[in-house]
Amino acid sequence: MARPERERGVAQAWIELVGSDPEAWSALSVARARLPAARGLESLRRWRLVELGGSLPGAADLAACLHRSTQFYNPNKERCTVRNAPGDPAPVRAGEVALLVRERGGGRRRAAERWWAHETGEAVQVREAVAWALGFAAGVDGPAAAAELVALSDRRHGLLCNPFSQIPSLPGSGIPLPWITPGGEPGETWNAEEEEW
């Protein structure tokens, strides 16, 4: 049987817990109790954001591959929203401020890459980071408040990103595809062993 035609591209898998997320709930509670910038913070949601880059199948086949493997998510306790094109909606609600927190070095998932190659015969790059959605009360400047809540700088400023080991990204308008960059710093060139998507 012939393999379906595949195009080179990038796709995002937004993975969140089906039940309540204790990490997001804890961060929301701490932020409201201790950080001045969180006074208008009403909600905080979290996803594991996985980006795949390379020769990818169509949306339905891609979702089926992700669903078959525990390398990406556990369908018994998590749900996955796939985004294949910049125009596809992300699960961030209108009015929420999106934030990406990634590990320095790009967060490669080599075991997932090996599984994908074994299952599909195609090489892909897989990166993972954490995406947050911050919801603020009406009248609050969400992007400005979110910027204050991002990188930890002292006991009263920052919570969601450790600047010594992680890099934040507030995209402004629209969520980019791809969003997870591989360099150590935003805009840094790719490592020699890594190729562009």
N, C-alpha and C. Protein backbone atom coordinates (compact mmCIF):
# COMPACT_ATOMS: atom_id res chain seq x y z
N MET A 1 0.84 -1.18 0.00
CA MET A 1 0.00 0.00 0.00
C MET A 1 0.89 1.25 0.00
N ALA A 2 0.57 2.18 -0.85
CA ALA A 2 1.36 3.41 -0.95
C ALA A 2 1.14 4.29 0.27
N ARG A 3 2.22 4.93 0.69
CA ARG A 3 2.13 5.85 1.81
C ARG A 3 1.44 7.13 1.36
N PRO A 4 0.60 7.74 2.25
CA PRO A 4 -0.05 8.99 1.86
C PRO A 4 0.99 10.08 1.61
N GLU A 5 0.66 10.99 0.73
CA GLU A 5 1.56 12.11 0.41
C GLU A 5 1.75 12.98 1.63
N ARG A 6 2.99 13.38 1.88
CA ARG A 6 3.29 14.20 3.05
C ARG A 6 3.96 15.49 2.63
N GLU A 7 3.69 16.53 3.36
CA GLU A 7 4.31 17.83 3.09
C GLU A 7 5.21 18.19 4.24
N ARG A 8 6.29 18.93 3.92
CA ARG A 8 7.15 19.45 4.99
C ARG A 8 6.43 20.62 5.63
N GLY A 9 6.42 20.61 6.91
CA GLY A 9 5.75 21.69 7.61
C GLY A 9 5.95 21.58 9.10
N VAL A 10 5.17 22.35 9.83
CA VAL A 10 5.21 22.36 11.28
C VAL A 10 3.79 22.24 11.79
N ALA A 11 3.62 21.47 12.85
CA ALA A 11 2.32 21.34 13.50
C ALA A 11 2.51 21.46 15.00
N GLN A 12 1.48 21.92 15.67
CA GLN A 12 1.50 22.04 17.13
C GLN A 12 0.47 21.10 17.72
N ALA A 13 0.83 20.46 18.82
CA ALA A 13 -0.10 19.67 19.62
C ALA A 13 -0.20 20.35 20.98
N TRP A 14 -1.38 20.87 21.28
CA TRP A 14 -1.64 21.55 22.56
C TRP A 14 -2.24 20.50 23.48
N ILE A 15 -1.51 20.11 24.52
CA ILE A 15 -1.91 19.00 25.38
C ILE A 15 -2.22 19.52 26.78
N GLU A 16 -3.44 19.26 27.23
CA GLU A 16 -3.82 19.72 28.57
C GLU A 16 -4.51 18.59 29.33
N LEU A 17 -4.46 18.68 30.64
CA LEU A 17 -5.13 17.69 31.47
C LEU A 17 -6.64 17.79 31.29
N VAL A 18 -7.31 16.64 31.31
CA VAL A 18 -8.77 16.62 31.20
C VAL A 18 -9.38 17.18 32.48
N GLY A 19 -8.84 16.78 33.63
CA GLY A 19 -9.32 17.29 34.92
C GLY A 19 -8.64 18.60 35.26
N SER A 20 -8.80 19.02 36.51
CA SER A 20 -8.16 20.27 36.92
C SER A 20 -6.65 20.10 36.94
N ASP A 21 -5.95 21.20 36.70
CA ASP A 21 -4.49 21.19 36.60
C ASP A 21 -3.92 21.75 37.90
N PRO A 22 -3.35 20.89 38.77
CA PRO A 22 -2.86 21.39 40.05
C PRO A 22 -1.73 22.42 39.92
N GLU A 23 -0.90 22.30 38.89
CA GLU A 23 0.19 23.26 38.71
C GLU A 23 -0.35 24.65 38.35
N ALA A 24 -1.32 24.70 37.46
CA ALA A 24 -1.92 25.98 37.09
C ALA A 24 -2.70 26.57 38.26
N TRP A 25 -3.43 25.74 38.98
CA TRP A 25 -4.19 26.21 40.13
C TRP A 25 -3.26 26.77 41.20
N SER A 26 -2.15 26.06 41.48
CA SER A 26 -1.18 26.52 42.47
C SER A 26 -0.55 27.84 42.05
N ALA A 27 -0.16 27.95 40.77
CA ALA A 27 0.45 29.19 40.28
C ALA A 27 -0.54 30.35 40.38
N LEU A 28 -1.80 30.11 40.04
CA LEU A 28 -2.82 31.15 40.15
C LEU A 28 -2.99 31.60 41.60
N SER A 29 -3.04 30.65 42.51
CA SER A 29 -3.21 30.97 43.94
C SER A 29 -2.03 31.78 44.48
N VAL A 30 -0.82 31.35 44.15
CA VAL A 30 0.38 32.06 44.62
C VAL A 30 0.43 33.46 44.01
N ALA A 31 0.16 33.55 42.72
CA ALA A 31 0.21 34.86 42.05
C ALA A 31 -0.78 35.83 42.69
N ARG A 32 -2.01 35.39 42.89
CA ARG A 32 -3.02 36.27 43.48
C ARG A 32 -2.65 36.70 44.90
N ALA A 33 -2.06 35.79 45.67
CA ALA A 33 -1.75 36.07 47.07
C ALA A 33 -0.51 36.94 47.24
N ARG A 34 0.46 36.86 46.31
CA ARG A 34 1.76 37.48 46.58
C ARG A 34 2.27 38.48 45.56
N LEU A 35 1.68 38.53 44.37
CA LEU A 35 2.25 39.37 43.32
C LEU A 35 1.32 40.53 42.97
N PRO A 36 1.80 41.75 43.09
CA PRO A 36 0.95 42.92 42.78
C PRO A 36 0.40 42.90 41.34
N ALA A 37 1.17 42.39 40.38
CA ALA A 37 0.72 42.38 38.99
C ALA A 37 -0.43 41.40 38.76
N ALA A 38 -0.68 40.53 39.74
CA ALA A 38 -1.74 39.52 39.58
C ALA A 38 -3.07 39.95 40.17
N ARG A 39 -3.17 41.19 40.58
CA ARG A 39 -4.43 41.65 41.19
C ARG A 39 -5.62 41.43 40.27
N GLY A 40 -5.44 41.64 38.97
CA GLY A 40 -6.54 41.46 38.03
C GLY A 40 -6.52 40.11 37.33
N LEU A 41 -5.67 39.20 37.77
CA LEU A 41 -5.59 37.87 37.14
C LEU A 41 -6.78 37.03 37.57
N GLU A 42 -7.60 36.62 36.60
CA GLU A 42 -8.80 35.83 36.89
C GLU A 42 -8.64 34.36 36.58
N SER A 43 -7.81 34.02 35.59
CA SER A 43 -7.65 32.61 35.23
C SER A 43 -6.23 32.37 34.73
N LEU A 44 -5.81 31.13 34.87
CA LEU A 44 -4.49 30.72 34.42
C LEU A 44 -4.60 29.27 33.96
N ARG A 45 -4.33 29.04 32.68
CA ARG A 45 -4.41 27.69 32.13
C ARG A 45 -3.05 27.31 31.56
N ARG A 46 -2.78 25.99 31.51
CA ARG A 46 -1.46 25.50 31.09
C ARG A 46 -1.61 24.32 30.13
N TRP A 47 -0.70 24.28 29.15
CA TRP A 47 -0.59 23.15 28.22
C TRP A 47 0.86 22.74 28.10
N ARG A 48 1.08 21.50 27.74
CA ARG A 48 2.36 21.10 27.18
C ARG A 48 2.21 21.34 25.69
N LEU A 49 3.07 22.15 25.12
CA LEU A 49 3.00 22.44 23.69
C LEU A 49 4.10 21.65 23.00
N VAL A 50 3.70 20.76 22.11
CA VAL A 50 4.64 19.95 21.35
C VAL A 50 4.58 20.41 19.90
N GLU A 51 5.73 20.72 19.33
CA GLU A 51 5.80 21.09 17.91
C GLU A 51 6.57 20.01 17.17
N LEU A 52 6.00 19.60 16.04
CA LEU A 52 6.63 18.63 15.16
C LEU A 52 6.96 19.34 13.86
N GLY A 53 8.16 19.13 13.37
CA GLY A 53 8.57 19.75 12.12
C GLY A 53 9.21 18.73 11.21
N GLY A 54 8.83 18.75 9.96
CA GLY A 54 9.39 17.82 8.98
C GLY A 54 8.33 17.40 8.00
N SER A 55 8.44 16.18 7.53
CA SER A 55 7.49 15.62 6.57
C SER A 55 6.30 15.06 7.34
N LEU A 56 5.20 15.82 7.36
CA LEU A 56 4.05 15.47 8.19
C LEU A 56 2.86 15.05 7.35
N PRO A 57 2.04 14.13 7.89
CA PRO A 57 0.80 13.75 7.18
C PRO A 57 -0.26 14.82 7.35
N GLY A 58 -1.41 14.61 6.74
CA GLY A 58 -2.54 15.53 6.90
C GLY A 58 -3.03 15.54 8.33
N ALA A 59 -3.94 16.45 8.62
CA ALA A 59 -4.40 16.67 9.99
C ALA A 59 -4.96 15.42 10.66
N ALA A 60 -5.81 14.68 9.96
CA ALA A 60 -6.43 13.49 10.57
C ALA A 60 -5.39 12.41 10.86
N ASP A 61 -4.48 12.17 9.91
CA ASP A 61 -3.43 11.16 10.12
C ASP A 61 -2.46 11.60 11.22
N LEU A 62 -2.16 12.88 11.27
CA LEU A 62 -1.28 13.41 12.30
C LEU A 62 -1.89 13.20 13.69
N ALA A 63 -3.16 13.54 13.83
CA ALA A 63 -3.85 13.35 15.11
C ALA A 63 -3.88 11.88 15.50
N ALA A 64 -4.10 10.99 14.53
CA ALA A 64 -4.12 9.55 14.81
C ALA A 64 -2.75 9.07 15.28
N CYS A 65 -1.67 9.54 14.66
CA CYS A 65 -0.32 9.16 15.10
C CYS A 65 -0.06 9.63 16.52
N LEU A 66 -0.40 10.87 16.82
CA LEU A 66 -0.20 11.39 18.17
C LEU A 66 -0.99 10.58 19.19
N HIS A 67 -2.20 10.19 18.84
CA HIS A 67 -3.10 9.47 19.73
C HIS A 67 -2.58 8.05 20.00
N ARG A 68 -1.87 7.46 19.04
CA ARG A 68 -1.36 6.09 19.19
C ARG A 68 -0.18 5.96 20.13
N SER A 69 0.50 7.04 20.41
CA SER A 69 1.76 6.96 21.14
C SER A 69 1.72 7.66 22.48
N THR A 70 2.27 7.02 23.49
CA THR A 70 2.41 7.68 24.79
C THR A 70 3.64 8.59 24.79
N GLN A 71 4.35 8.67 23.68
CA GLN A 71 5.47 9.61 23.57
C GLN A 71 4.98 11.06 23.57
N PHE A 72 3.73 11.25 23.21
CA PHE A 72 3.20 12.60 23.09
C PHE A 72 2.21 12.94 24.20
N TYR A 73 1.21 12.10 24.42
CA TYR A 73 0.26 12.36 25.49
C TYR A 73 -0.50 11.09 25.84
N ASN A 74 -1.15 11.13 27.00
CA ASN A 74 -1.95 10.01 27.48
C ASN A 74 -3.42 10.36 27.29
N PRO A 75 -4.08 9.74 26.29
CA PRO A 75 -5.48 10.11 26.01
C PRO A 75 -6.45 9.75 27.14
N ASN A 76 -6.00 8.96 28.12
CA ASN A 76 -6.86 8.63 29.26
C ASN A 76 -6.94 9.78 30.27
N LYS A 77 -5.95 10.67 30.27
CA LYS A 77 -5.99 11.77 31.23
C LYS A 77 -5.74 13.14 30.61
N GLU A 78 -5.41 13.16 29.31
CA GLU A 78 -5.12 14.43 28.64
C GLU A 78 -5.91 14.52 27.34
N ARG A 79 -6.12 15.76 26.90
CA ARG A 79 -6.73 15.97 25.58
C ARG A 79 -5.73 16.75 24.73
N CYS A 80 -5.84 16.56 23.42
CA CYS A 80 -4.87 17.14 22.50
C CYS A 80 -5.61 17.89 21.40
N THR A 81 -5.20 19.13 21.19
CA THR A 81 -5.72 19.95 20.10
C THR A 81 -4.58 20.15 19.11
N VAL A 82 -4.80 19.75 17.85
CA VAL A 82 -3.75 19.85 16.83
C VAL A 82 -3.97 21.11 16.00
N ARG A 83 -2.88 21.81 15.76
CA ARG A 83 -2.88 23.03 14.95
C ARG A 83 -1.88 22.84 13.82
N ASN A 84 -2.35 22.81 12.57
CA ASN A 84 -1.49 22.52 11.42
C ASN A 84 -1.07 23.73 10.61
N ALA A 85 -1.75 24.84 10.78
CA ALA A 85 -1.47 26.02 9.97
C ALA A 85 -1.61 27.27 10.83
N PRO A 86 -0.90 28.35 10.47
CA PRO A 86 -1.01 29.58 11.27
C PRO A 86 -2.45 30.08 11.42
N GLY A 87 -3.31 29.82 10.46
CA GLY A 87 -4.70 30.26 10.55
C GLY A 87 -5.58 29.37 11.41
N ASP A 88 -5.09 28.17 11.78
CA ASP A 88 -5.88 27.29 12.64
C ASP A 88 -5.95 27.89 14.05
N PRO A 89 -7.10 27.76 14.70
CA PRO A 89 -7.21 28.35 16.04
C PRO A 89 -6.40 27.57 17.07
N ALA A 90 -5.81 28.29 18.00
CA ALA A 90 -5.17 27.69 19.16
C ALA A 90 -6.23 27.65 20.27
N PRO A 91 -6.07 26.81 21.27
CA PRO A 91 -7.10 26.73 22.32
C PRO A 91 -7.08 27.88 23.33
N VAL A 92 -6.41 28.96 23.01
CA VAL A 92 -6.39 30.15 23.86
C VAL A 92 -7.67 30.95 23.59
N ARG A 93 -8.36 31.31 24.64
CA ARG A 93 -9.62 32.05 24.50
C ARG A 93 -9.39 33.51 24.13
N ALA A 94 -10.39 34.10 23.52
CA ALA A 94 -10.32 35.54 23.20
C ALA A 94 -10.13 36.32 24.49
N GLY A 95 -9.22 37.27 24.47
CA GLY A 95 -8.94 38.09 25.63
C GLY A 95 -7.84 37.56 26.53
N GLU A 96 -7.48 36.28 26.39
CA GLU A 96 -6.39 35.73 27.19
C GLU A 96 -5.05 36.12 26.56
N VAL A 97 -4.04 36.23 27.40
CA VAL A 97 -2.69 36.52 26.94
C VAL A 97 -1.92 35.20 26.91
N ALA A 98 -1.37 34.85 25.75
CA ALA A 98 -0.61 33.61 25.61
C ALA A 98 0.85 33.84 25.96
N LEU A 99 1.45 32.84 26.57
CA LEU A 99 2.86 32.87 26.97
C LEU A 99 3.46 31.50 26.72
N LEU A 100 4.66 31.48 26.16
CA LEU A 100 5.40 30.23 25.99
C LEU A 100 6.63 30.29 26.89
N VAL A 101 6.90 29.22 27.60
CA VAL A 101 8.10 29.09 28.41
C VAL A 101 8.81 27.83 27.94
N ARG A 102 10.03 28.03 27.42
CA ARG A 102 10.78 26.88 26.91
C ARG A 102 12.13 26.78 27.59
N GLU A 103 12.65 25.58 27.58
CA GLU A 103 13.97 25.33 28.15
C GLU A 103 15.02 25.88 27.21
N ARG A 104 16.12 26.37 27.77
CA ARG A 104 17.24 26.80 26.92
C ARG A 104 17.72 25.59 26.12
N GLY A 105 17.96 25.78 24.86
CA GLY A 105 18.37 24.68 23.99
C GLY A 105 17.23 24.11 23.17
N GLY A 106 16.00 24.55 23.40
CA GLY A 106 14.91 24.18 22.51
C GLY A 106 14.04 23.03 22.93
N GLY A 107 14.39 22.25 23.95
CA GLY A 107 13.51 21.19 24.44
C GLY A 107 13.27 20.05 23.47
N ARG A 108 14.32 19.57 22.79
CA ARG A 108 14.14 18.46 21.84
C ARG A 108 13.64 17.21 22.57
N ARG A 109 12.77 16.46 21.92
CA ARG A 109 12.23 15.19 22.43
C ARG A 109 12.71 14.07 21.51
N ARG A 110 13.92 13.62 21.71
CA ARG A 110 14.53 12.66 20.80
C ARG A 110 13.84 11.30 20.81
N ALA A 111 13.33 10.86 21.96
CA ALA A 111 12.62 9.58 22.01
C ALA A 111 11.36 9.63 21.14
N ALA A 112 10.66 10.76 21.18
CA ALA A 112 9.47 10.93 20.34
C ALA A 112 9.85 10.94 18.86
N GLU A 113 10.99 11.55 18.54
CA GLU A 113 11.48 11.57 17.15
C GLU A 113 11.77 10.15 16.67
N ARG A 114 12.40 9.34 17.54
CA ARG A 114 12.69 7.94 17.15
C ARG A 114 11.41 7.15 16.96
N TRP A 115 10.43 7.35 17.87
CA TRP A 115 9.16 6.64 17.73
C TRP A 115 8.49 7.01 16.41
N TRP A 116 8.47 8.30 16.09
CA TRP A 116 7.83 8.77 14.87
C TRP A 116 8.50 8.13 13.64
N ALA A 117 9.84 8.11 13.63
CA ALA A 117 10.56 7.52 12.49
C ALA A 117 10.24 6.03 12.36
N HIS A 118 10.14 5.34 13.49
CA HIS A 118 9.81 3.92 13.46
C HIS A 118 8.40 3.67 12.94
N GLU A 119 7.46 4.48 13.38
CA GLU A 119 6.05 4.30 13.00
C GLU A 119 5.73 4.76 11.58
N THR A 120 6.35 5.86 11.15
CA THR A 120 5.96 6.46 9.88
C THR A 120 7.01 6.34 8.79
N GLY A 121 8.25 6.04 9.18
CA GLY A 121 9.34 6.02 8.21
C GLY A 121 9.85 7.40 7.84
N GLU A 122 9.38 8.42 8.53
CA GLU A 122 9.77 9.80 8.24
C GLU A 122 10.52 10.41 9.41
N ALA A 123 11.50 11.25 9.11
CA ALA A 123 12.23 11.95 10.16
C ALA A 123 11.53 13.27 10.47
N VAL A 124 11.33 13.54 11.74
CA VAL A 124 10.77 14.81 12.19
C VAL A 124 11.59 15.30 13.37
N GLN A 125 11.47 16.59 13.64
CA GLN A 125 12.01 17.15 14.87
C GLN A 125 10.83 17.40 15.80
N VAL A 126 11.02 17.07 17.07
CA VAL A 126 9.96 17.27 18.06
C VAL A 126 10.54 18.13 19.18
N ARG A 127 9.85 19.20 19.50
CA ARG A 127 10.24 20.08 20.60
C ARG A 127 9.05 20.25 21.53
N GLU A 128 9.35 20.46 22.81
CA GLU A 128 8.28 20.65 23.79
C GLU A 128 8.58 21.85 24.67
N ALA A 129 7.53 22.57 25.03
CA ALA A 129 7.62 23.70 25.94
C ALA A 129 6.30 23.76 26.71
N VAL A 130 6.17 24.76 27.55
CA VAL A 130 4.92 24.96 28.31
C VAL A 130 4.27 26.23 27.80
N ALA A 131 2.99 26.14 27.50
CA ALA A 131 2.22 27.31 27.09
C ALA A 131 1.23 27.64 28.20
N TRP A 132 1.11 28.92 28.48
CA TRP A 132 0.17 29.41 29.50
C TRP A 132 -0.81 30.37 28.83
N ALA A 133 -2.01 30.44 29.36
CA ALA A 133 -2.99 31.44 28.96
C ALA A 133 -3.43 32.17 30.22
N LEU A 134 -3.21 33.48 30.24
CA LEU A 134 -3.53 34.30 31.40
C LEU A 134 -4.77 35.13 31.09
N GLY A 135 -5.79 34.99 31.90
CA GLY A 135 -7.02 35.76 31.72
C GLY A 135 -7.12 36.85 32.78
N PHE A 136 -7.34 38.07 32.34
CA PHE A 136 -7.39 39.21 33.25
C PHE A 136 -8.78 39.83 33.28
N ALA A 137 -9.08 40.53 34.36
CA ALA A 137 -10.35 41.22 34.51
C ALA A 137 -10.44 42.35 33.50
N ALA A 138 -11.68 42.74 33.19
CA ALA A 138 -11.90 43.87 32.28
C ALA A 138 -11.22 45.11 32.85
N GLY A 139 -10.62 45.90 31.97
CA GLY A 139 -9.95 47.12 32.38
C GLY A 139 -8.49 46.95 32.74
N VAL A 140 -8.02 45.71 32.82
CA VAL A 140 -6.61 45.45 33.12
C VAL A 140 -5.85 45.36 31.81
N ASP A 141 -4.68 45.98 31.73
CA ASP A 141 -3.82 45.85 30.55
C ASP A 141 -3.15 44.48 30.62
N GLY A 142 -3.79 43.49 30.00
CA GLY A 142 -3.34 42.10 30.07
C GLY A 142 -1.90 41.89 29.65
N PRO A 143 -1.48 42.37 28.47
CA PRO A 143 -0.09 42.15 28.06
C PRO A 143 0.93 42.74 29.04
N ALA A 144 0.65 43.92 29.57
CA ALA A 144 1.58 44.54 30.52
C ALA A 144 1.62 43.76 31.84
N ALA A 145 0.46 43.35 32.33
CA ALA A 145 0.41 42.56 33.57
C ALA A 145 1.08 41.21 33.37
N ALA A 146 0.84 40.60 32.20
CA ALA A 146 1.47 39.30 31.91
C ALA A 146 2.98 39.43 31.88
N ALA A 147 3.49 40.50 31.29
CA ALA A 147 4.94 40.71 31.24
C ALA A 147 5.53 40.80 32.64
N GLU A 148 4.77 41.38 33.59
CA GLU A 148 5.24 41.47 34.99
C GLU A 148 5.22 40.11 35.68
N LEU A 149 4.34 39.21 35.23
CA LEU A 149 4.20 37.90 35.88
C LEU A 149 5.12 36.83 35.31
N VAL A 150 5.78 37.13 34.21
CA VAL A 150 6.54 36.09 33.51
C VAL A 150 7.81 35.69 34.26
N ALA A 151 8.88 36.42 34.08
CA ALA A 151 10.20 35.99 34.58
C ALA A 151 10.39 36.36 36.04
N LEU A 152 10.76 35.38 36.82
CA LEU A 152 11.05 35.57 38.23
C LEU A 152 12.25 36.50 38.39
N SER A 153 12.04 37.59 39.14
CA SER A 153 13.16 38.51 39.38
C SER A 153 13.38 38.73 40.87
N ASP A 154 12.31 38.64 41.66
CA ASP A 154 12.41 38.72 43.11
C ASP A 154 11.11 38.18 43.69
N ARG A 155 10.93 38.29 45.01
CA ARG A 155 9.75 37.70 45.66
C ARG A 155 8.43 38.32 45.22
N ARG A 156 8.46 39.52 44.67
CA ARG A 156 7.23 40.21 44.30
C ARG A 156 7.02 40.34 42.78
N HIS A 157 7.95 39.80 42.01
CA HIS A 157 7.87 39.95 40.55
C HIS A 157 8.21 38.64 39.85
N GLY A 158 7.30 38.18 39.03
CA GLY A 158 7.53 37.00 38.21
C GLY A 158 7.17 35.72 38.91
N LEU A 159 6.81 34.71 38.10
CA LEU A 159 6.42 33.43 38.66
C LEU A 159 6.53 32.29 37.64
N LEU A 160 6.22 32.54 36.39
CA LEU A 160 6.02 31.47 35.43
C LEU A 160 7.28 31.02 34.69
N CYS A 161 8.39 31.72 34.85
CA CYS A 161 9.60 31.40 34.11
C CYS A 161 10.83 31.62 34.98
N ASN A 162 11.69 30.63 35.06
CA ASN A 162 12.97 30.76 35.74
C ASN A 162 13.98 31.27 34.71
N PRO A 163 14.42 32.53 34.81
CA PRO A 163 15.26 33.10 33.75
C PRO A 163 16.65 32.47 33.65
N PHE A 164 17.04 31.66 34.63
CA PHE A 164 18.34 31.01 34.58
C PHE A 164 18.33 29.74 33.72
N SER A 165 17.15 29.15 33.52
CA SER A 165 17.08 27.92 32.74
C SER A 165 16.00 27.92 31.66
N GLN A 166 15.17 28.96 31.63
CA GLN A 166 14.06 29.00 30.69
C GLN A 166 14.01 30.34 29.97
N ILE A 167 13.32 30.33 28.83
CA ILE A 167 13.18 31.54 28.02
C ILE A 167 11.69 31.74 27.74
N PRO A 168 11.15 32.93 28.09
CA PRO A 168 9.73 33.20 27.83
C PRO A 168 9.53 33.84 26.45
N SER A 169 8.31 33.70 25.95
CA SER A 169 7.94 34.36 24.70
C SER A 169 6.48 34.79 24.79
N LEU A 170 6.26 36.10 24.75
CA LEU A 170 4.91 36.66 24.67
C LEU A 170 4.72 37.10 23.22
N PRO A 171 3.87 36.42 22.46
CA PRO A 171 3.83 36.69 21.02
C PRO A 171 3.14 37.96 20.58
N GLY A 172 2.46 38.65 21.46
CA GLY A 172 1.70 39.82 21.02
C GLY A 172 0.41 39.36 20.38
N SER A 173 0.18 39.74 19.14
CA SER A 173 -1.06 39.32 18.48
C SER A 173 -0.80 38.05 17.66
N GLY A 174 -1.62 37.07 17.84
CA GLY A 174 -1.51 35.83 17.09
C GLY A 174 -0.43 34.91 17.64
N ILE A 175 -0.69 33.63 17.57
CA ILE A 175 0.26 32.65 18.06
C ILE A 175 1.03 32.10 16.87
N PRO A 176 2.36 32.26 16.88
CA PRO A 176 3.15 31.84 15.72
C PRO A 176 3.21 30.32 15.56
N LEU A 177 3.48 29.90 14.36
CA LEU A 177 3.69 28.49 14.03
C LEU A 177 4.87 28.44 13.08
N PRO A 178 6.05 28.00 13.49
CA PRO A 178 6.38 27.46 14.81
C PRO A 178 6.56 28.55 15.85
N TRP A 179 6.45 28.14 17.11
CA TRP A 179 6.62 29.06 18.23
C TRP A 179 7.85 28.69 19.05
N ILE A 180 8.18 27.41 19.12
CA ILE A 180 9.32 26.96 19.92
C ILE A 180 10.58 27.06 19.06
N THR A 181 11.46 27.96 19.42
CA THR A 181 12.71 28.13 18.68
C THR A 181 13.81 27.33 19.36
N PRO A 182 14.78 26.83 18.60
CA PRO A 182 15.77 25.93 19.17
C PRO A 182 16.98 26.60 19.82
N GLY A 183 17.26 27.86 19.54
CA GLY A 183 18.46 28.50 20.07
C GLY A 183 18.40 28.70 21.57
N GLY A 184 19.55 29.03 22.16
CA GLY A 184 19.61 29.28 23.59
C GLY A 184 18.90 30.56 23.98
N GLU A 185 18.84 31.53 23.08
CA GLU A 185 18.18 32.80 23.33
C GLU A 185 17.28 33.12 22.14
N PRO A 186 16.23 33.92 22.33
CA PRO A 186 15.41 34.29 21.19
C PRO A 186 16.25 34.91 20.09
N GLY A 187 16.08 34.44 18.87
CA GLY A 187 16.82 34.96 17.73
C GLY A 187 18.18 34.34 17.53
N GLU A 188 18.62 33.50 18.47
CA GLU A 188 19.92 32.85 18.33
C GLU A 188 19.86 31.82 17.20
N THR A 189 20.97 31.62 16.52
CA THR A 189 20.99 30.68 15.40
C THR A 189 20.86 29.25 15.90
N TRP A 190 20.49 28.37 14.97
CA TRP A 190 20.31 26.96 15.28
C TRP A 190 21.65 26.32 15.60
N ASN A 191 21.61 25.29 16.45
CA ASN A 191 22.82 24.51 16.71
C ASN A 191 23.21 23.79 15.43
N ALA A 192 24.49 23.48 15.27
CA ALA A 192 24.97 22.84 14.05
C ALA A 192 24.29 21.50 13.80
N GLU A 193 23.94 20.77 14.87
CA GLU A 193 23.34 19.45 14.70
C GLU A 193 21.86 19.51 14.36
N GLU A 194 21.26 20.68 14.45
CA GLU A 194 19.84 20.82 14.19
C GLU A 194 19.60 21.51 12.85
N GLU A 195 18.54 21.10 12.19
CA GLU A 195 18.17 21.71 10.92
C GLU A 195 16.92 22.54 11.13
N GLU A 196 16.68 23.44 10.18
CA GLU A 196 15.44 24.20 10.26
C GLU A 196 14.27 23.26 10.03
N TRP A 197 13.10 23.69 10.48
CA TRP A 197 11.89 22.89 10.29
C TRP A 197 11.78 22.51 8.88
